[in-house]
Amino acid sequence: MSGLQGLAQENIWFDKSRYDEAERSFYEGMNGIPQTSQSQNASKSEDQSELVSRLKSLELDNKNLHKVVDDLRAVLSKLESRMALLEKSQAPASKTVTVTKAAPVQKPKVEEHNDADDDDIDLFGSDEEDEEAERIKAERVKEYAQRKAKKPALIAKSSILLDVKPWDDETDMSKLEECVRSIQMDGLLWGASKLVPVGYGIKKLQISCVVEDDKVGTDILEEEITKFEDYVQSVDIAAFNKI
C-alpha cells in the first residue's frame, strides 16, 4: 500500500510530454544530431505558425472591410434613388404652376340722387347727436362727483398714552387729573386713567387719549398739560399707536 501511495503522489503521468521530449533529446544526442538545429527548427515553426495566424487575422479584417464598403455602397445607392424620385416629383409640380391674373378693380358705383332727395337730408343731425352725448356725459360726471362728496372722508387718528409726573408725594393727584381732563379741544378725546407708583411714595398719572392727527399733536398736549405748574413736573409719551 505504501508503494501505491508513493506512485499516487508522483506527477510523472501529468508531465508525460516533458519526459517524452527529454527521452527524444537523449537518443538524438547519442545519434549525433545537434540540438541547436532542433531548437532552430522549433523557433522557425513557431515563427511560421505566428505568421500564419497573422495572415488569417488580416484576411478576416479584409473581409470585414469589404463587407462595410459594400454596405456603404448599398446605402449610397438607396439615397441616390430617393433623390432622383424627389427631383422627378418636384419637376412636374413646378411646371404646372399657373399664373393667376389679378381681377380687375371695379370702380365704386356712384349713386345718383335727385335734388329733391338732397333737400330731405339733415346735415345737422350729427351735431345734435354729439350734443346729446356730451350732455349725458356731463350728467354722469356730476352724479359721480355728488356720490363721492357724500362719502365720509377717512380721518387719521392716533391713540396716545401719557405719563404725567407730579412734584412730590404731597401733590393732590385727583386735582392733577382734573386739570388734565379740563383740557378740551377739537379732535381730542380723553380715555381711561390710573395711578402708577414710581418710588418713595410718589405716583404718576397714566392717562390715555385719542386724537385726530390733523387737529391735535403731541407737542400741543405737552404744552397745555405743563401749564399747570403747581401740579405737573413733566409729561412723557409712554405709547403712541396709529388707529
C-alpha atoms as a PDB file:
ATOM      1  CA  MET A   1       0.000   0.000   0.000  1.00  0.00           C
ATOM      2  CA  SER A   2       2.917   2.340   0.717  1.00  0.00           C
ATOM      3  CA  GLY A   3       4.242   1.842  -2.833  1.00  0.00           C
ATOM      4  CA  LEU A   4       0.871   2.664  -4.367  1.00  0.00           C
ATOM      5  CA  GLN A   5       0.597   5.791  -2.220  1.00  0.00           C
ATOM      6  CA  GLY A   6       4.052   6.859  -3.439  1.00  0.00           C
ATOM      7  CA  LEU A   7       3.045   6.397  -7.051  1.00  0.00           C
ATOM      8  CA  ALA A   8      -0.157   8.332  -6.434  1.00  0.00           C
ATOM      9  CA  GLN A   9       1.883  11.261  -5.158  1.00  0.00           C
ATOM     10  CA  GLU A  10       4.181  11.258  -8.222  1.00  0.00           C
ATOM     11  CA  ASN A  11       3.146  13.550 -11.100  1.00  0.00           C
ATOM     12  CA  ILE A  12       5.093  11.778 -13.802  1.00  0.00           C
ATOM     13  CA  TRP A  13       1.964  10.919 -15.727  1.00  0.00           C
ATOM     14  CA  PHE A  14       0.833  14.540 -15.721  1.00  0.00           C
ATOM     15  CA  ASP A  15       4.211  15.706 -17.201  1.00  0.00           C
ATOM     16  CA  LYS A  16       4.488  12.875 -19.694  1.00  0.00           C
ATOM     17  CA  SER A  17       5.125  15.224 -22.610  1.00  0.00           C
ATOM     18  CA  ARG A  18       8.167  16.678 -20.882  1.00  0.00           C
ATOM     19  CA  TYR A  19       9.607  13.255 -20.187  1.00  0.00           C
ATOM     20  CA  ASP A  20       8.983  12.178 -23.783  1.00  0.00           C
ATOM     21  CA  GLU A  21      10.817  15.272 -25.030  1.00  0.00           C
ATOM     22  CA  ALA A  22      13.752  14.570 -22.699  1.00  0.00           C
ATOM     23  CA  GLU A  23      13.936  10.949 -23.868  1.00  0.00           C
ATOM     24  CA  ARG A  24      13.861  12.043 -27.530  1.00  0.00           C
ATOM     25  CA  SER A  25      16.633  14.572 -26.917  1.00  0.00           C
ATOM     26  CA  PHE A  26      18.744  11.879 -25.192  1.00  0.00           C
ATOM     27  CA  TYR A  27      18.534   9.469 -28.082  1.00  0.00           C
ATOM     28  CA  GLU A  28      19.155  12.219 -30.652  1.00  0.00           C
ATOM     29  CA  GLY A  29      22.250  13.224 -28.739  1.00  0.00           C
ATOM     30  CA  MET A  30      23.509   9.662 -28.749  1.00  0.00           C
ATOM     31  CA  ASN A  31      22.965   9.503 -32.520  1.00  0.00           C
ATOM     32  CA  GLY A  32      24.989  12.709 -33.066  1.00  0.00           C
ATOM     33  CA  ILE A  33      22.098  15.011 -34.026  1.00  0.00           C
ATOM     34  CA  PRO A  34      22.895  18.520 -32.733  1.00  0.00           C
ATOM     35  CA  GLN A  35      20.219  20.004 -30.527  1.00  0.00           C
ATOM     36  CA  THR A  36      20.764  23.554 -31.805  1.00  0.00           C
ATOM     37  CA  SER A  37      19.297  22.712 -35.172  1.00  0.00           C
ATOM     38  CA  GLN A  38      16.280  21.252 -33.437  1.00  0.00           C
ATOM     39  CA  SER A  39      15.779  24.424 -31.429  1.00  0.00           C
ATOM     40  CA  GLN A  40      16.167  26.471 -34.591  1.00  0.00           C
ATOM     41  CA  ASN A  41      13.595  24.319 -36.352  1.00  0.00           C
ATOM     42  CA  ALA A  42      11.275  24.709 -33.401  1.00  0.00           C
ATOM     43  CA  SER A  43      11.687  28.522 -33.430  1.00  0.00           C
ATOM     44  CA  LYS A  44      11.127  28.565 -37.211  1.00  0.00           C
ATOM     45  CA  SER A  45       7.991  26.522 -36.840  1.00  0.00           C
ATOM     46  CA  GLU A  46       6.801  28.893 -34.131  1.00  0.00           C
ATOM     47  CA  ASP A  47       7.507  31.910 -36.367  1.00  0.00           C
ATOM     48  CA  GLN A  48       5.706  30.277 -39.248  1.00  0.00           C
ATOM     49  CA  SER A  49       2.691  29.492 -37.075  1.00  0.00           C
ATOM     50  CA  GLU A  50       2.646  33.107 -35.811  1.00  0.00           C
ATOM     51  CA  LEU A  51       2.891  34.394 -39.386  1.00  0.00           C
ATOM     52  CA  VAL A  52       0.052  32.128 -40.464  1.00  0.00           C
ATOM     53  CA  SER A  53      -2.133  33.365 -37.596  1.00  0.00           C
ATOM     54  CA  ARG A  54      -1.390  36.986 -38.543  1.00  0.00           C
ATOM     55  CA  LEU A  55      -2.236  36.319 -42.169  1.00  0.00           C
ATOM     56  CA  LYS A  56      -5.500  34.744 -41.139  1.00  0.00           C
ATOM     57  CA  SER A  57      -6.372  37.743 -38.958  1.00  0.00           C
ATOM     58  CA  LEU A  58      -5.522  40.116 -41.839  1.00  0.00           C
ATOM     59  CA  GLU A  59      -7.720  38.142 -44.197  1.00  0.00           C
ATOM     60  CA  LEU A  60     -10.561  38.319 -41.689  1.00  0.00           C
ATOM     61  CA  ASP A  61     -10.126  42.104 -41.312  1.00  0.00           C
ATOM     62  CA  ASN A  62     -10.066  42.461 -45.082  1.00  0.00           C
ATOM     63  CA  LYS A  63     -13.323  40.548 -45.385  1.00  0.00           C
ATOM     64  CA  ASN A  64     -14.908  42.767 -42.721  1.00  0.00           C
ATOM     65  CA  LEU A  65     -13.736  45.906 -44.546  1.00  0.00           C
ATOM     66  CA  HIS A  66     -15.147  44.632 -47.807  1.00  0.00           C
ATOM     67  CA  LYS A  67     -18.452  43.999 -46.069  1.00  0.00           C
ATOM     68  CA  VAL A  68     -18.535  47.519 -44.614  1.00  0.00           C
ATOM     69  CA  VAL A  69     -17.729  49.042 -48.011  1.00  0.00           C
ATOM     70  CA  ASP A  70     -20.490  47.014 -49.642  1.00  0.00           C
ATOM     71  CA  ASP A  71     -22.978  48.196 -47.008  1.00  0.00           C
ATOM     72  CA  LEU A  72     -21.975  51.818 -47.557  1.00  0.00           C
ATOM     73  CA  ARG A  73     -22.375  51.436 -51.297  1.00  0.00           C
ATOM     74  CA  ALA A  74     -25.845  49.969 -50.808  1.00  0.00           C
ATOM     75  CA  VAL A  75     -26.873  52.890 -48.563  1.00  0.00           C
ATOM     76  CA  LEU A  76     -25.459  55.395 -51.045  1.00  0.00           C
ATOM     77  CA  SER A  77     -27.337  53.805 -53.920  1.00  0.00           C
ATOM     78  CA  LYS A  78     -30.581  53.984 -51.914  1.00  0.00           C
ATOM     79  CA  LEU A  79     -30.019  57.675 -51.204  1.00  0.00           C
ATOM     80  CA  GLU A  80     -29.333  58.390 -54.865  1.00  0.00           C
ATOM     81  CA  SER A  81     -32.531  56.627 -55.882  1.00  0.00           C
ATOM     82  CA  ARG A  82     -34.546  58.616 -53.350  1.00  0.00           C
ATOM     83  CA  MET A  83     -33.046  61.900 -54.525  1.00  0.00           C
ATOM     84  CA  ALA A  84     -33.922  61.006 -58.095  1.00  0.00           C
ATOM     85  CA  LEU A  85     -37.519  60.256 -57.125  1.00  0.00           C
ATOM     86  CA  LEU A  86     -37.788  63.557 -55.251  1.00  0.00           C
ATOM     87  CA  GLU A  87     -36.447  65.503 -58.218  1.00  0.00           C
ATOM     88  CA  LYS A  88     -38.905  63.782 -60.546  1.00  0.00           C
ATOM     89  CA  SER A  89     -41.842  64.505 -58.227  1.00  0.00           C
ATOM     90  CA  GLN A  90     -40.925  68.190 -57.863  1.00  0.00           C
ATOM     91  CA  ALA A  91     -40.317  68.821 -61.541  1.00  0.00           C
ATOM     92  CA  PRO A  92     -43.947  68.488 -62.780  1.00  0.00           C
ATOM     93  CA  ALA A  93     -45.217  70.446 -59.797  1.00  0.00           C
ATOM     94  CA  SER A  94     -43.041  73.408 -60.761  1.00  0.00           C
ATOM     95  CA  LYS A  95     -44.123  73.143 -64.384  1.00  0.00           C
ATOM     96  CA  THR A  96     -47.830  73.156 -63.542  1.00  0.00           C
ATOM     97  CA  VAL A  97     -47.695  76.426 -61.633  1.00  0.00           C
ATOM     98  CA  THR A  98     -50.254  78.708 -63.202  1.00  0.00           C
ATOM     99  CA  VAL A  99     -50.142  82.432 -63.018  1.00  0.00           C
ATOM    100  CA  THR A 100     -53.497  83.779 -61.960  1.00  0.00           C
ATOM    101  CA  LYS A 101     -54.345  87.132 -63.336  1.00  0.00           C
ATOM    102  CA  ALA A 102     -55.454  89.743 -60.901  1.00  0.00           C
ATOM    103  CA  ALA A 103     -59.113  90.527 -61.133  1.00  0.00           C
ATOM    104  CA  PRO A 104     -59.824  93.975 -62.494  1.00  0.00           C
ATOM    105  CA  VAL A 105     -60.563  96.529 -59.820  1.00  0.00           C
ATOM    106  CA  GLN A 106     -64.150  97.556 -60.001  1.00  0.00           C
ATOM    107  CA  LYS A 107     -64.809 101.188 -59.647  1.00  0.00           C
ATOM    108  CA  PRO A 108     -67.274 102.085 -56.917  1.00  0.00           C
ATOM    109  CA  LYS A 109     -70.664 102.892 -58.230  1.00  0.00           C
ATOM    110  CA  VAL A 110     -71.753 106.395 -57.563  1.00  0.00           C
ATOM    111  CA  GLU A 111     -75.432 106.512 -56.880  1.00  0.00           C
ATOM    112  CA  GLU A 112     -77.196 109.391 -58.411  1.00  0.00           C
ATOM    113  CA  HIS A 113     -79.560 111.352 -56.218  1.00  0.00           C
ATOM    114  CA  ASN A 114     -82.185 113.760 -57.237  1.00  0.00           C
ATOM    115  CA  ASP A 115     -82.222 117.267 -55.969  1.00  0.00           C
ATOM    116  CA  ALA A 116     -85.456 116.514 -54.174  1.00  0.00           C
ATOM    117  CA  ASP A 117     -83.758 113.777 -52.134  1.00  0.00           C
ATOM    118  CA  ASP A 118     -80.912 116.128 -51.197  1.00  0.00           C
ATOM    119  CA  ASP A 119     -83.387 118.544 -49.687  1.00  0.00           C
ATOM    120  CA  ASP A 120     -84.603 115.857 -47.277  1.00  0.00           C
ATOM    121  CA  ILE A 121     -81.085 115.143 -45.861  1.00  0.00           C
ATOM    122  CA  ASP A 122     -80.498 116.612 -42.376  1.00  0.00           C
ATOM    123  CA  LEU A 123     -76.974 117.991 -42.444  1.00  0.00           C
ATOM    124  CA  PHE A 124     -77.026 118.911 -38.737  1.00  0.00           C
ATOM    125  CA  GLY A 125     -78.194 115.568 -37.363  1.00  0.00           C
ATOM    126  CA  SER A 126     -74.674 114.500 -36.321  1.00  0.00           C
ATOM    127  CA  ASP A 127     -74.147 117.735 -34.365  1.00  0.00           C
ATOM    128  CA  GLU A 128     -77.328 117.161 -32.399  1.00  0.00           C
ATOM    129  CA  GLU A 129     -76.218 113.598 -31.535  1.00  0.00           C
ATOM    130  CA  ASP A 130     -72.834 114.874 -30.328  1.00  0.00           C
ATOM    131  CA  GLU A 131     -74.508 117.463 -28.136  1.00  0.00           C
ATOM    132  CA  GLU A 132     -76.758 114.802 -26.617  1.00  0.00           C
ATOM    133  CA  ALA A 133     -73.786 112.543 -25.883  1.00  0.00           C
ATOM    134  CA  GLU A 134     -71.894 115.414 -24.237  1.00  0.00           C
ATOM    135  CA  ARG A 135     -74.922 116.274 -22.100  1.00  0.00           C
ATOM    136  CA  ILE A 136     -75.287 112.662 -20.892  1.00  0.00           C
ATOM    137  CA  LYS A 137     -71.566 112.507 -20.135  1.00  0.00           C
ATOM    138  CA  ALA A 138     -71.715 115.730 -18.117  1.00  0.00           C
ATOM    139  CA  GLU A 139     -74.673 114.438 -16.106  1.00  0.00           C
ATOM    140  CA  ARG A 140     -72.873 111.205 -15.262  1.00  0.00           C
ATOM    141  CA  VAL A 141     -69.750 113.082 -14.154  1.00  0.00           C
ATOM    142  CA  LYS A 142     -71.876 115.322 -11.944  1.00  0.00           C
ATOM    143  CA  GLU A 143     -73.636 112.346 -10.341  1.00  0.00           C
ATOM    144  CA  TYR A 144     -70.284 110.666  -9.648  1.00  0.00           C
ATOM    145  CA  ALA A 145     -68.924 113.809  -8.004  1.00  0.00           C
ATOM    146  CA  GLN A 146     -72.012 114.059  -5.811  1.00  0.00           C
ATOM    147  CA  ARG A 147     -71.765 110.428  -4.686  1.00  0.00           C
ATOM    148  CA  LYS A 148     -68.085 110.887  -3.916  1.00  0.00           C
ATOM    149  CA  ALA A 149     -68.771 114.029  -1.878  1.00  0.00           C
ATOM    150  CA  LYS A 150     -71.354 112.209   0.245  1.00  0.00           C
ATOM    151  CA  LYS A 151     -68.858 109.533   1.324  1.00  0.00           C
ATOM    152  CA  PRO A 152     -67.194 110.382   4.665  1.00  0.00           C
ATOM    153  CA  ALA A 153     -63.521 111.168   4.375  1.00  0.00           C
ATOM    154  CA  LEU A 154     -61.092 108.880   6.181  1.00  0.00           C
ATOM    155  CA  ILE A 155     -59.806 110.630   9.305  1.00  0.00           C
ATOM    156  CA  ALA A 156     -56.369 109.641  10.573  1.00  0.00           C
ATOM    157  CA  LYS A 157     -56.376 109.077  14.325  1.00  0.00           C
ATOM    158  CA  SER A 158     -53.823 108.042  16.945  1.00  0.00           C
ATOM    159  CA  SER A 159     -54.005 106.544  20.423  1.00  0.00           C
ATOM    160  CA  ILE A 160     -51.614 108.159  22.938  1.00  0.00           C
ATOM    161  CA  LEU A 161     -50.713 107.049  26.477  1.00  0.00           C
ATOM    162  CA  LEU A 162     -49.287 109.890  28.620  1.00  0.00           C
ATOM    163  CA  ASP A 163     -47.287 109.739  31.852  1.00  0.00           C
ATOM    164  CA  VAL A 164     -47.927 112.881  33.925  1.00  0.00           C
ATOM    165  CA  LYS A 165     -45.468 113.144  36.860  1.00  0.00           C
ATOM    166  CA  PRO A 166     -46.113 115.316  39.974  1.00  0.00           C
ATOM    167  CA  TRP A 167     -43.559 117.245  42.005  1.00  0.00           C
ATOM    168  CA  ASP A 168     -43.659 115.058  45.111  1.00  0.00           C
ATOM    169  CA  ASP A 169     -45.776 112.669  47.159  1.00  0.00           C
ATOM    170  CA  GLU A 170     -47.793 115.517  48.636  1.00  0.00           C
ATOM    171  CA  THR A 171     -49.287 116.556  45.273  1.00  0.00           C
ATOM    172  CA  ASP A 172     -53.069 116.102  45.033  1.00  0.00           C
ATOM    173  CA  MET A 173     -53.322 113.544  42.207  1.00  0.00           C
ATOM    174  CA  SER A 174     -57.106 113.875  41.890  1.00  0.00           C
ATOM    175  CA  LYS A 175     -56.706 117.591  41.336  1.00  0.00           C
ATOM    176  CA  LEU A 176     -53.915 116.915  38.836  1.00  0.00           C
ATOM    177  CA  GLU A 177     -56.161 114.555  36.845  1.00  0.00           C
ATOM    178  CA  GLU A 178     -58.958 117.101  36.964  1.00  0.00           C
ATOM    179  CA  CYS A 179     -56.626 119.725  35.487  1.00  0.00           C
ATOM    180  CA  VAL A 180     -55.518 117.381  32.706  1.00  0.00           C
ATOM    181  CA  ARG A 181     -59.080 116.436  31.752  1.00  0.00           C
ATOM    182  CA  SER A 182     -60.050 120.110  31.729  1.00  0.00           C
ATOM    183  CA  ILE A 183     -58.070 120.496  28.502  1.00  0.00           C
ATOM    184  CA  GLN A 184     -60.649 120.374  25.736  1.00  0.00           C
ATOM    185  CA  MET A 185     -60.057 120.908  22.019  1.00  0.00           C
ATOM    186  CA  ASP A 186     -61.456 119.777  18.698  1.00  0.00           C
ATOM    187  CA  GLY A 187     -60.172 116.297  17.833  1.00  0.00           C
ATOM    188  CA  LEU A 188     -59.252 115.301  21.435  1.00  0.00           C
ATOM    189  CA  LEU A 189     -60.992 112.588  23.435  1.00  0.00           C
ATOM    190  CA  TRP A 190     -59.760 111.557  26.904  1.00  0.00           C
ATOM    191  CA  GLY A 191     -59.864 107.919  27.954  1.00  0.00           C
ATOM    192  CA  ALA A 192     -59.127 105.782  30.996  1.00  0.00           C
ATOM    193  CA  SER A 193     -56.540 106.693  33.616  1.00  0.00           C
ATOM    194  CA  LYS A 194     -54.760 105.149  36.615  1.00  0.00           C
ATOM    195  CA  LEU A 195     -52.119 105.956  39.220  1.00  0.00           C
ATOM    196  CA  VAL A 196     -48.830 104.084  38.853  1.00  0.00           C
ATOM    197  CA  PRO A 197     -46.275 104.005  41.725  1.00  0.00           C
ATOM    198  CA  VAL A 198     -42.906 105.494  40.851  1.00  0.00           C
ATOM    199  CA  GLY A 199     -40.990 105.247  44.135  1.00  0.00           C
ATOM    200  CA  TYR A 200     -40.626 106.871  47.554  1.00  0.00           C
ATOM    201  CA  GLY A 201     -44.411 107.133  47.846  1.00  0.00           C
ATOM    202  CA  ILE A 202     -44.708 109.120  44.605  1.00  0.00           C
ATOM    203  CA  LYS A 203     -47.278 108.097  42.000  1.00  0.00           C
ATOM    204  CA  LYS A 204     -47.679 109.258  38.419  1.00  0.00           C
ATOM    205  CA  LEU A 205     -50.878 109.713  36.440  1.00  0.00           C
ATOM    206  CA  GLN A 206     -51.090 107.447  33.382  1.00  0.00           C
ATOM    207  CA  ILE A 207     -53.911 108.636  31.114  1.00  0.00           C
ATOM    208  CA  SER A 208     -54.912 107.663  27.564  1.00  0.00           C
ATOM    209  CA  CYS A 209     -56.470 109.759  24.836  1.00  0.00           C
ATOM    210  CA  VAL A 210     -57.455 109.546  21.159  1.00  0.00           C
ATOM    211  CA  VAL A 211     -56.554 112.465  18.874  1.00  0.00           C
ATOM    212  CA  GLU A 212     -57.119 113.361  15.231  1.00  0.00           C
ATOM    213  CA  ASP A 213     -53.711 113.746  13.625  1.00  0.00           C
ATOM    214  CA  ASP A 214     -54.661 116.777  11.560  1.00  0.00           C
ATOM    215  CA  LYS A 215     -56.045 118.698  14.561  1.00  0.00           C
ATOM    216  CA  VAL A 216     -54.106 117.675  17.686  1.00  0.00           C
ATOM    217  CA  GLY A 217     -50.422 116.927  18.057  1.00  0.00           C
ATOM    218  CA  THR A 218     -48.291 115.649  20.928  1.00  0.00           C
ATOM    219  CA  ASP A 219     -46.483 118.969  21.238  1.00  0.00           C
ATOM    220  CA  ILE A 220     -49.768 120.813  21.859  1.00  0.00           C
ATOM    221  CA  LEU A 221     -50.799 118.270  24.505  1.00  0.00           C
ATOM    222  CA  GLU A 222     -47.496 118.527  26.379  1.00  0.00           C
ATOM    223  CA  GLU A 223     -47.601 122.307  26.245  1.00  0.00           C
ATOM    224  CA  GLU A 224     -51.174 122.505  27.574  1.00  0.00           C
ATOM    225  CA  ILE A 225     -50.573 119.999  30.405  1.00  0.00           C
ATOM    226  CA  THR A 226     -47.330 121.599  31.594  1.00  0.00           C
ATOM    227  CA  LYS A 227     -49.195 124.888  32.021  1.00  0.00           C
ATOM    228  CA  PHE A 228     -50.447 123.506  35.355  1.00  0.00           C
ATOM    229  CA  GLU A 229     -47.100 124.167  37.017  1.00  0.00           C
ATOM    230  CA  ASP A 230     -48.423 123.754  40.575  1.00  0.00           C
ATOM    231  CA  TYR A 231     -49.202 120.084  39.995  1.00  0.00           C
ATOM    232  CA  VAL A 232     -47.249 118.902  36.926  1.00  0.00           C
ATOM    233  CA  GLN A 233     -43.497 118.431  36.884  1.00  0.00           C
ATOM    234  CA  SER A 234     -43.168 116.736  33.429  1.00  0.00           C
ATOM    235  CA  VAL A 235     -45.102 114.888  30.719  1.00  0.00           C
ATOM    236  CA  ASP A 236     -43.808 111.837  28.801  1.00  0.00           C
ATOM    237  CA  ILE A 237     -45.349 109.838  25.962  1.00  0.00           C
ATOM    238  CA  ALA A 238     -45.476 106.221  27.145  1.00  0.00           C
ATOM    239  CA  ALA A 239     -47.092 104.804  23.960  1.00  0.00           C
ATOM    240  CA  PHE A 240     -48.184 106.068  20.551  1.00  0.00           C
ATOM    241  CA  ASN A 241     -50.198 103.972  18.084  1.00  0.00           C
ATOM    242  CA  LYS A 242     -51.954 104.765  14.810  1.00  0.00           C
ATOM    243  CA  ILE A 243     -55.601 103.768  14.620  1.00  0.00           C
END
